[in-house]
Amino acid sequence: TYRTKVFIFNADSQPTAPFAVPTVDLYDPSRNLVATNIPMTLVSTGVYEYTYAVSTLAPQGLWETIVSTQVENGKIIPMIIGRCLVLLRRSS
């Protein structure tokens, strides 16, 4: 399972709700888009999470997550949240 979280803070460094739910785009190591514009799950105020069940046939390597969130009406901020090395255990 691939998991990522995003934390959103206001100018006073307090967790805050964005204008709209953040969305995720997930790329595999070949830059194939495997999930697009998926709403994240609210965990608590200002904290959102996304999980993706990685197939055992998925390519190993560096996966990338891009999260976009609308912080105020009409102002969308895209962020590269992280790159994750995915190593899969395969039976022989």
C-alpha atoms as a PDB file:
ATOM      1  CA  THR A   1       0.000   0.000   0.000  1.00  0.00           C
ATOM      2  CA  TYR A   2       1.232   3.468  -0.947  1.00  0.00           C
ATOM      3  CA  ARG A   3       0.279   6.160   1.559  1.00  0.00           C
ATOM      4  CA  THR A   4       0.774   9.927   1.617  1.00  0.00           C
ATOM      5  CA  LYS A   5      -0.443  12.703   3.901  1.00  0.00           C
ATOM      6  CA  VAL A   6      -0.692  16.452   3.462  1.00  0.00           C
ATOM      7  CA  PHE A   7      -0.823  18.970   6.292  1.00  0.00           C
ATOM      8  CA  ILE A   8      -2.366  22.407   5.647  1.00  0.00           C
ATOM      9  CA  PHE A   9      -1.608  25.340   7.921  1.00  0.00           C
ATOM     10  CA  ASN A  10      -2.769  28.961   8.031  1.00  0.00           C
ATOM     11  CA  ALA A  11      -0.514  32.025   8.408  1.00  0.00           C
ATOM     12  CA  ASP A  12      -0.446  31.435  12.185  1.00  0.00           C
ATOM     13  CA  SER A  13       0.874  27.867  11.701  1.00  0.00           C
ATOM     14  CA  GLN A  14      -2.428  26.373  12.852  1.00  0.00           C
ATOM     15  CA  PRO A  15      -3.981  23.403  11.013  1.00  0.00           C
ATOM     16  CA  THR A  16      -6.756  24.716   8.792  1.00  0.00           C
ATOM     17  CA  ALA A  17      -9.304  23.455   6.306  1.00  0.00           C
ATOM     18  CA  PRO A  18      -8.633  24.399   2.682  1.00  0.00           C
ATOM     19  CA  PHE A  19     -11.291  25.943   0.438  1.00  0.00           C
ATOM     20  CA  ALA A  20     -11.685  22.553  -1.304  1.00  0.00           C
ATOM     21  CA  VAL A  21     -10.556  18.990  -0.603  1.00  0.00           C
ATOM     22  CA  PRO A  22      -7.009  18.351  -1.879  1.00  0.00           C
ATOM     23  CA  THR A  23      -6.660  16.006  -4.860  1.00  0.00           C
ATOM     24  CA  VAL A  24      -3.897  13.579  -5.796  1.00  0.00           C
ATOM     25  CA  ASP A  25      -2.159  12.601  -9.013  1.00  0.00           C
ATOM     26  CA  LEU A  26       0.071   9.538  -8.687  1.00  0.00           C
ATOM     27  CA  TYR A  27       2.779   8.558 -11.192  1.00  0.00           C
ATOM     28  CA  ASP A  28       4.679   5.295 -11.440  1.00  0.00           C
ATOM     29  CA  PRO A  29       8.455   5.201 -12.170  1.00  0.00           C
ATOM     30  CA  SER A  30       7.818   5.406 -15.946  1.00  0.00           C
ATOM     31  CA  ARG A  31       5.754   8.592 -15.389  1.00  0.00           C
ATOM     32  CA  ASN A  32       2.523   6.767 -16.211  1.00  0.00           C
ATOM     33  CA  LEU A  33      -0.388   8.437 -14.467  1.00  0.00           C
ATOM     34  CA  VAL A  34      -1.951   5.689 -12.323  1.00  0.00           C
ATOM     35  CA  ALA A  35      -4.371   7.859 -10.324  1.00  0.00           C
ATOM     36  CA  THR A  36      -5.623  11.295 -11.281  1.00  0.00           C
ATOM     37  CA  ASN A  37      -7.598  13.997  -9.522  1.00  0.00           C
ATOM     38  CA  ILE A  38      -8.498  11.680  -6.625  1.00  0.00           C
ATOM     39  CA  PRO A  39      -9.918  13.471  -3.553  1.00  0.00           C
ATOM     40  CA  MET A  40      -7.913  12.872  -0.378  1.00  0.00           C
ATOM     41  CA  THR A  41      -9.559  11.623   2.813  1.00  0.00           C
ATOM     42  CA  LEU A  42      -9.968  14.039   5.727  1.00  0.00           C
ATOM     43  CA  VAL A  43      -8.152  12.718   8.820  1.00  0.00           C
ATOM     44  CA  SER A  44      -8.514  15.806  11.015  1.00  0.00           C
ATOM     45  CA  THR A  45      -8.602  19.582  10.530  1.00  0.00           C
ATOM     46  CA  GLY A  46      -5.951  20.398   7.932  1.00  0.00           C
ATOM     47  CA  VAL A  47      -4.768  16.785   7.608  1.00  0.00           C
ATOM     48  CA  TYR A  48      -5.612  14.684   4.556  1.00  0.00           C
ATOM     49  CA  GLU A  49      -4.503  11.202   3.535  1.00  0.00           C
ATOM     50  CA  TYR A  50      -4.459   9.113   0.372  1.00  0.00           C
ATOM     51  CA  THR A  51      -3.770   5.399   0.080  1.00  0.00           C
ATOM     52  CA  TYR A  52      -3.305   3.363  -3.072  1.00  0.00           C
ATOM     53  CA  ALA A  53      -3.212  -0.422  -3.276  1.00  0.00           C
ATOM     54  CA  VAL A  54      -0.109  -1.150  -5.340  1.00  0.00           C
ATOM     55  CA  SER A  55      -0.439  -4.240  -7.501  1.00  0.00           C
ATOM     56  CA  THR A  56       2.255  -6.900  -7.200  1.00  0.00           C
ATOM     57  CA  LEU A  57       2.678  -6.433 -10.963  1.00  0.00           C
ATOM     58  CA  ALA A  58       3.378  -2.695 -10.598  1.00  0.00           C
ATOM     59  CA  PRO A  59       6.858  -1.503 -11.537  1.00  0.00           C
ATOM     60  CA  GLN A  60       9.396  -1.037  -8.775  1.00  0.00           C
ATOM     61  CA  GLY A  61      11.115   2.305  -8.520  1.00  0.00           C
ATOM     62  CA  LEU A  62      10.486   5.931  -7.671  1.00  0.00           C
ATOM     63  CA  TRP A  63       6.786   6.866  -7.558  1.00  0.00           C
ATOM     64  CA  GLU A  64       5.711  10.511  -7.415  1.00  0.00           C
ATOM     65  CA  THR A  65       2.719  12.199  -5.768  1.00  0.00           C
ATOM     66  CA  ILE A  66       1.415  15.608  -6.784  1.00  0.00           C
ATOM     67  CA  VAL A  67      -1.261  17.125  -4.555  1.00  0.00           C
ATOM     68  CA  SER A  68      -3.312  20.140  -5.597  1.00  0.00           C
ATOM     69  CA  THR A  69      -5.351  22.112  -3.136  1.00  0.00           C
ATOM     70  CA  GLN A  70      -7.496  25.206  -3.438  1.00  0.00           C
ATOM     71  CA  VAL A  71      -6.514  27.408  -0.510  1.00  0.00           C
ATOM     72  CA  GLU A  72      -8.986  30.155  -1.372  1.00  0.00           C
ATOM     73  CA  ASN A  73     -11.545  30.686  -4.112  1.00  0.00           C
ATOM     74  CA  GLY A  74      -9.698  30.499  -7.441  1.00  0.00           C
ATOM     75  CA  LYS A  75      -6.216  29.976  -5.934  1.00  0.00           C
ATOM     76  CA  ILE A  76      -5.006  26.411  -6.508  1.00  0.00           C
ATOM     77  CA  ILE A  77      -1.577  25.349  -5.276  1.00  0.00           C
ATOM     78  CA  PRO A  78      -0.006  22.201  -6.816  1.00  0.00           C
ATOM     79  CA  MET A  79       2.721  20.590  -4.684  1.00  0.00           C
ATOM     80  CA  ILE A  80       5.045  17.682  -5.287  1.00  0.00           C
ATOM     81  CA  ILE A  81       4.508  15.950  -1.985  1.00  0.00           C
ATOM     82  CA  GLY A  82       7.061  13.269  -2.390  1.00  0.00           C
ATOM     83  CA  ARG A  83       8.736  10.553  -4.235  1.00  0.00           C
ATOM     84  CA  CYS A  84       8.618   7.085  -2.802  1.00  0.00           C
ATOM     85  CA  LEU A  85      10.789   4.135  -3.704  1.00  0.00           C
ATOM     86  CA  VAL A  86       8.498   1.135  -4.178  1.00  0.00           C
ATOM     87  CA  LEU A  87      10.094  -2.277  -3.800  1.00  0.00           C
ATOM     88  CA  LEU A  88       7.760  -5.199  -4.272  1.00  0.00           C
ATOM     89  CA  ARG A  89       8.307  -8.691  -2.939  1.00  0.00           C
ATOM     90  CA  ARG A  90       7.505 -11.206  -5.624  1.00  0.00           C
ATOM     91  CA  SER A  91       7.405 -14.951  -5.205  1.00  0.00           C
ATOM     92  CA  SER A  92       9.560 -16.963  -7.580  1.00  0.00           C
END
